[in-house]
Amino acid sequence: MQFIELKNPRVLDILERLRYLYREKYDVTKTNKHYGKTMVAEDWVSEKYLRKVLSMGKRHEGVPTGAKSYFIRPDGYYGDDPQYDKDWTQINDKIKLDVGLRCTALAHLYPPKGFIDWHNNANASAYNVVFTWSETGDGWFKWYDVENDKIVTMKDKKGWSCKVGYFASYDDEKPVTYHSAYTDCWRMTFSYTLGFNRDFWLDMIDYIQCED
């Protein structure tokens, strides 16, 4: 995974709309499914837990099993405002069409001390893009460098940031990418996949970094 510069004004406008919807217009902490309310981050994002997941090999299905977060997508909304579904559909379709994204893999709001555990998405292999909004920048995304047996920390930035990468399957020549995230402030992540066309993925990166 690597950071890229978010410069495209159209993309930034869409992301700001996402921020407005789920940090100002809607209080998802009162209406949306909340996962892992009593979970303690250290039990799930430590190196000890990573080593446990690594030892599982292919028995690890790829999906996260521990997190503390609120679901943003309509299937996690338990309120009674019909506009919620409409707003999500409109903004999600807009960013996918504008950037060229295929599938919404994750849309979560993390509270302070929120997290997602070590996992590798081997069940959903694809090129990807991850948009993250952080209230203060007090959080991080970590991934495990298999070849060098070390954990790489990518610190959040205040406001919006963007990471891109490729999540391999167990059948790929490339190793799977174990990763986790934690925050000490409010944090939102919107993760999308693009399929397996590397040239298209590189064009998307150029578009996101383009200032015109």
Protein backbone atom coordinates (compact mmCIF):
# COMPACT_ATOMS: atom_id res chain seq x y z
CA MET A 1 0.00 0.00 0.00
CA GLN A 2 1.15 3.55 -0.67
CA PHE A 3 -0.12 7.09 -0.22
CA ILE A 4 -1.01 9.16 -3.27
CA GLU A 5 -1.80 12.87 -3.44
CA LEU A 6 -5.47 13.89 -3.45
CA LYS A 7 -5.48 16.85 -5.83
CA ASN A 8 -8.43 16.37 -8.20
CA PRO A 9 -11.04 19.00 -7.22
CA ARG A 10 -13.94 16.84 -8.44
CA VAL A 11 -12.85 13.93 -6.25
CA LEU A 12 -12.28 16.24 -3.28
CA ASP A 13 -15.74 17.73 -3.69
CA ILE A 14 -17.31 14.27 -3.61
CA LEU A 15 -15.30 13.29 -0.55
CA GLU A 16 -16.33 16.47 1.25
CA ARG A 17 -19.94 15.55 0.50
CA LEU A 18 -19.30 12.19 2.16
CA ARG A 19 -17.81 13.93 5.18
CA TYR A 20 -20.78 16.28 5.43
CA LEU A 21 -23.32 13.47 5.18
CA TYR A 22 -21.83 11.19 7.81
CA ARG A 23 -20.29 13.67 10.23
CA GLU A 24 -22.83 16.50 10.02
CA LYS A 25 -26.15 15.63 8.38
CA TYR A 26 -26.56 12.16 9.91
CA ASP A 27 -25.47 11.01 13.35
CA VAL A 28 -24.76 7.38 12.55
CA THR A 29 -23.77 6.75 16.18
CA LYS A 30 -27.48 6.86 17.03
CA THR A 31 -29.00 5.11 14.04
CA ASN A 32 -26.49 2.65 12.58
CA LYS A 33 -25.22 -0.80 13.43
CA HIS A 34 -22.28 -0.61 15.81
CA TYR A 35 -19.77 -3.46 15.82
CA GLY A 36 -17.40 -4.35 18.64
CA LYS A 37 -18.63 -1.96 21.32
CA THR A 38 -16.83 -3.80 24.13
CA MET A 39 -13.77 -4.91 22.14
CA VAL A 40 -10.33 -3.68 23.19
CA ALA A 41 -8.11 -2.60 20.32
CA GLU A 42 -4.88 -4.02 21.71
CA ASP A 43 -6.35 -7.52 21.56
CA TRP A 44 -6.83 -7.19 17.79
CA VAL A 45 -4.18 -4.86 16.31
CA SER A 46 -1.07 -5.97 18.21
CA GLU A 47 1.87 -7.79 16.67
CA LYS A 48 0.97 -10.76 18.86
CA TYR A 49 -2.42 -11.00 17.20
CA LEU A 50 -0.84 -10.55 13.74
CA ARG A 51 1.44 -13.53 14.43
CA LYS A 52 -1.61 -15.56 15.42
CA VAL A 53 -3.34 -14.70 12.14
CA LEU A 54 -0.17 -15.44 10.16
CA SER A 55 0.06 -18.86 11.78
CA MET A 56 -3.39 -19.71 10.42
CA GLY A 57 -2.13 -19.57 6.84
CA LYS A 58 -4.89 -20.24 4.33
CA ARG A 59 -7.27 -21.15 7.15
CA HIS A 60 -7.71 -17.40 7.61
CA GLU A 61 -10.57 -16.55 5.24
CA GLY A 62 -9.41 -12.99 4.60
CA VAL A 63 -12.23 -11.10 6.27
CA PRO A 64 -11.81 -9.10 9.49
CA THR A 65 -13.23 -10.69 12.63
CA GLY A 66 -12.68 -7.87 15.13
CA ALA A 67 -13.51 -4.17 14.82
CA LYS A 68 -15.01 -1.21 16.66
CA SER A 69 -16.90 0.90 14.15
CA TYR A 70 -20.25 2.07 12.79
CA PHE A 71 -21.57 0.79 9.45
CA ILE A 72 -22.34 3.64 7.05
CA ARG A 73 -24.05 1.83 4.16
CA PRO A 74 -27.86 1.68 4.22
CA ASP A 75 -27.88 -2.00 5.20
CA GLY A 76 -26.49 -0.88 8.56
CA TYR A 77 -28.95 2.00 9.03
CA TYR A 78 -31.83 1.49 11.49
CA GLY A 79 -33.27 5.00 11.41
CA ASP A 80 -36.52 6.08 9.75
CA ASP A 81 -35.36 8.78 7.32
CA PRO A 82 -35.96 7.59 3.73
CA GLN A 83 -33.47 10.19 2.49
CA TYR A 84 -30.59 8.25 4.04
CA ASP A 85 -30.75 5.52 1.41
CA LYS A 86 -31.15 8.07 -1.38
CA ASP A 87 -28.19 10.15 -0.20
CA TRP A 88 -25.94 7.09 0.01
CA THR A 89 -26.92 5.79 -3.41
CA GLN A 90 -26.40 9.17 -5.03
CA ILE A 91 -22.99 9.90 -3.53
CA ASN A 92 -21.69 6.33 -3.81
CA ASP A 93 -22.73 6.09 -7.46
CA LYS A 94 -21.15 9.48 -8.11
CA ILE A 95 -17.71 8.62 -6.78
CA LYS A 96 -17.69 5.21 -8.48
CA LEU A 97 -18.66 6.73 -11.82
CA ASP A 98 -16.27 9.68 -11.54
CA VAL A 99 -13.20 7.72 -10.44
CA GLY A 100 -13.98 4.45 -12.24
CA LEU A 101 -14.55 2.21 -9.22
CA ARG A 102 -16.27 -1.15 -9.30
CA CYS A 103 -17.31 -2.21 -5.81
CA THR A 104 -17.71 -0.54 -2.42
CA ALA A 105 -15.73 -2.86 -0.15
CA LEU A 106 -15.96 -0.88 3.10
CA ALA A 107 -17.71 2.23 4.43
CA HIS A 108 -17.19 2.65 8.18
CA LEU A 109 -16.99 5.37 10.82
CA TYR A 110 -14.53 4.65 13.62
CA PRO A 111 -14.91 6.35 17.01
CA PRO A 112 -11.90 7.24 19.16
CA LYS A 113 -10.19 3.94 20.08
CA GLY A 114 -11.89 2.38 17.07
CA PHE A 115 -10.07 -0.18 14.96
CA ILE A 116 -10.19 -3.01 12.46
CA ASP A 117 -8.15 -6.12 13.15
CA TRP A 118 -5.37 -7.80 11.20
CA HIS A 119 -6.78 -9.45 8.05
CA ASN A 120 -5.75 -9.76 4.41
CA ASN A 121 -8.78 -9.59 2.06
CA ALA A 122 -7.57 -12.72 0.29
CA ASN A 123 -11.25 -13.49 -0.30
CA ALA A 124 -11.68 -10.26 -2.31
CA SER A 125 -8.52 -9.90 -4.36
CA ALA A 126 -8.33 -6.77 -6.55
CA TYR A 127 -6.59 -3.46 -7.13
CA ASN A 128 -8.02 -0.97 -4.68
CA VAL A 129 -8.26 2.60 -3.50
CA VAL A 130 -8.88 3.62 0.12
CA PHE A 131 -10.13 7.10 1.02
CA THR A 132 -9.73 8.03 4.69
CA TRP A 133 -10.91 11.06 6.62
CA SER A 134 -9.37 11.71 10.04
CA GLU A 135 -10.57 14.37 12.46
CA THR A 136 -7.09 15.15 13.85
CA GLY A 137 -4.72 12.69 12.16
CA ASP A 138 -4.30 10.65 15.36
CA GLY A 139 -4.58 7.22 13.80
CA TRP A 140 -2.82 4.79 11.52
CA PHE A 141 -3.00 2.05 8.91
CA LYS A 142 -0.49 -0.79 9.22
CA TRP A 143 0.46 -3.53 6.80
CA TYR A 144 2.79 -6.46 7.08
CA ASP A 145 5.79 -6.58 4.75
CA VAL A 146 6.10 -10.35 4.23
CA GLU A 147 9.44 -10.25 2.39
CA ASN A 148 11.17 -8.29 5.16
CA ASP A 149 9.09 -9.59 8.09
CA LYS A 150 8.24 -6.15 9.39
CA ILE A 151 5.18 -4.02 10.09
CA VAL A 152 4.90 -0.81 8.08
CA THR A 153 2.97 2.06 9.70
CA MET A 154 1.21 4.66 7.57
CA LYS A 155 0.12 7.50 9.85
CA ASP A 156 -3.18 9.22 9.14
CA LYS A 157 -3.29 12.84 8.08
CA LYS A 158 -5.81 15.38 9.31
CA GLY A 159 -8.62 15.57 6.77
CA TRP A 160 -8.69 13.40 3.67
CA SER A 161 -5.94 11.06 2.47
CA CYS A 162 -5.77 8.32 -0.11
CA LYS A 163 -4.00 4.95 -0.25
CA VAL A 164 -3.80 2.55 -3.17
CA GLY A 165 -2.59 -1.01 -3.50
CA TYR A 166 -3.34 -4.56 -4.53
CA PHE A 167 -4.85 -7.22 -2.31
CA ALA A 168 -3.71 -10.62 -3.53
CA SER A 169 -5.48 -13.95 -3.12
CA TYR A 170 -3.79 -17.08 -1.79
CA ASP A 171 -3.44 -18.27 -5.40
CA ASP A 172 -1.55 -15.18 -6.61
CA GLU A 173 2.19 -15.06 -7.13
CA LYS A 174 2.30 -11.97 -4.90
CA PRO A 175 1.90 -12.45 -1.13
CA VAL A 176 -1.36 -11.49 0.52
CA THR A 177 -1.38 -8.15 2.34
CA TYR A 178 -2.16 -8.38 6.04
CA HIS A 179 -3.31 -5.01 7.36
CA SER A 180 -5.07 -3.30 10.28
CA ALA A 181 -6.07 0.21 11.39
CA TYR A 182 -6.58 2.14 14.63
CA THR A 183 -7.59 5.67 15.60
CA ASP A 184 -7.62 7.92 18.67
CA CYS A 185 -10.01 10.34 16.95
CA TRP A 186 -13.06 10.12 14.69
CA ARG A 187 -12.12 8.46 11.42
CA MET A 188 -13.98 7.39 8.26
CA THR A 189 -12.83 4.92 5.65
CA PHE A 190 -14.33 4.31 2.21
CA SER A 191 -12.61 1.45 0.40
CA TYR A 192 -13.26 0.51 -3.23
CA THR A 193 -12.03 -2.19 -5.61
CA LEU A 194 -11.34 -1.90 -9.34
CA GLY A 195 -10.74 -5.45 -10.54
CA PHE A 196 -7.46 -6.68 -12.05
CA ASN A 197 -6.59 -4.24 -14.83
CA ARG A 198 -3.35 -2.65 -13.66
CA ASP A 199 -3.26 -0.05 -16.44
CA PHE A 200 -6.77 1.12 -15.53
CA TRP A 201 -5.73 1.30 -11.86
CA LEU A 202 -2.71 3.43 -12.79
CA ASP A 203 -4.93 5.73 -14.88
CA MET A 204 -7.21 6.11 -11.85
CA ILE A 205 -4.22 7.11 -9.71
CA ASP A 206 -3.24 9.74 -12.28
CA TYR A 207 -6.80 11.08 -12.28
CA ILE A 208 -6.95 11.37 -8.48
CA GLN A 209 -3.62 13.24 -8.45
CA CYS A 210 -4.52 15.55 -11.34
CA GLU A 211 -5.20 19.17 -10.33
CA ASP A 212 -7.12 20.09 -13.53
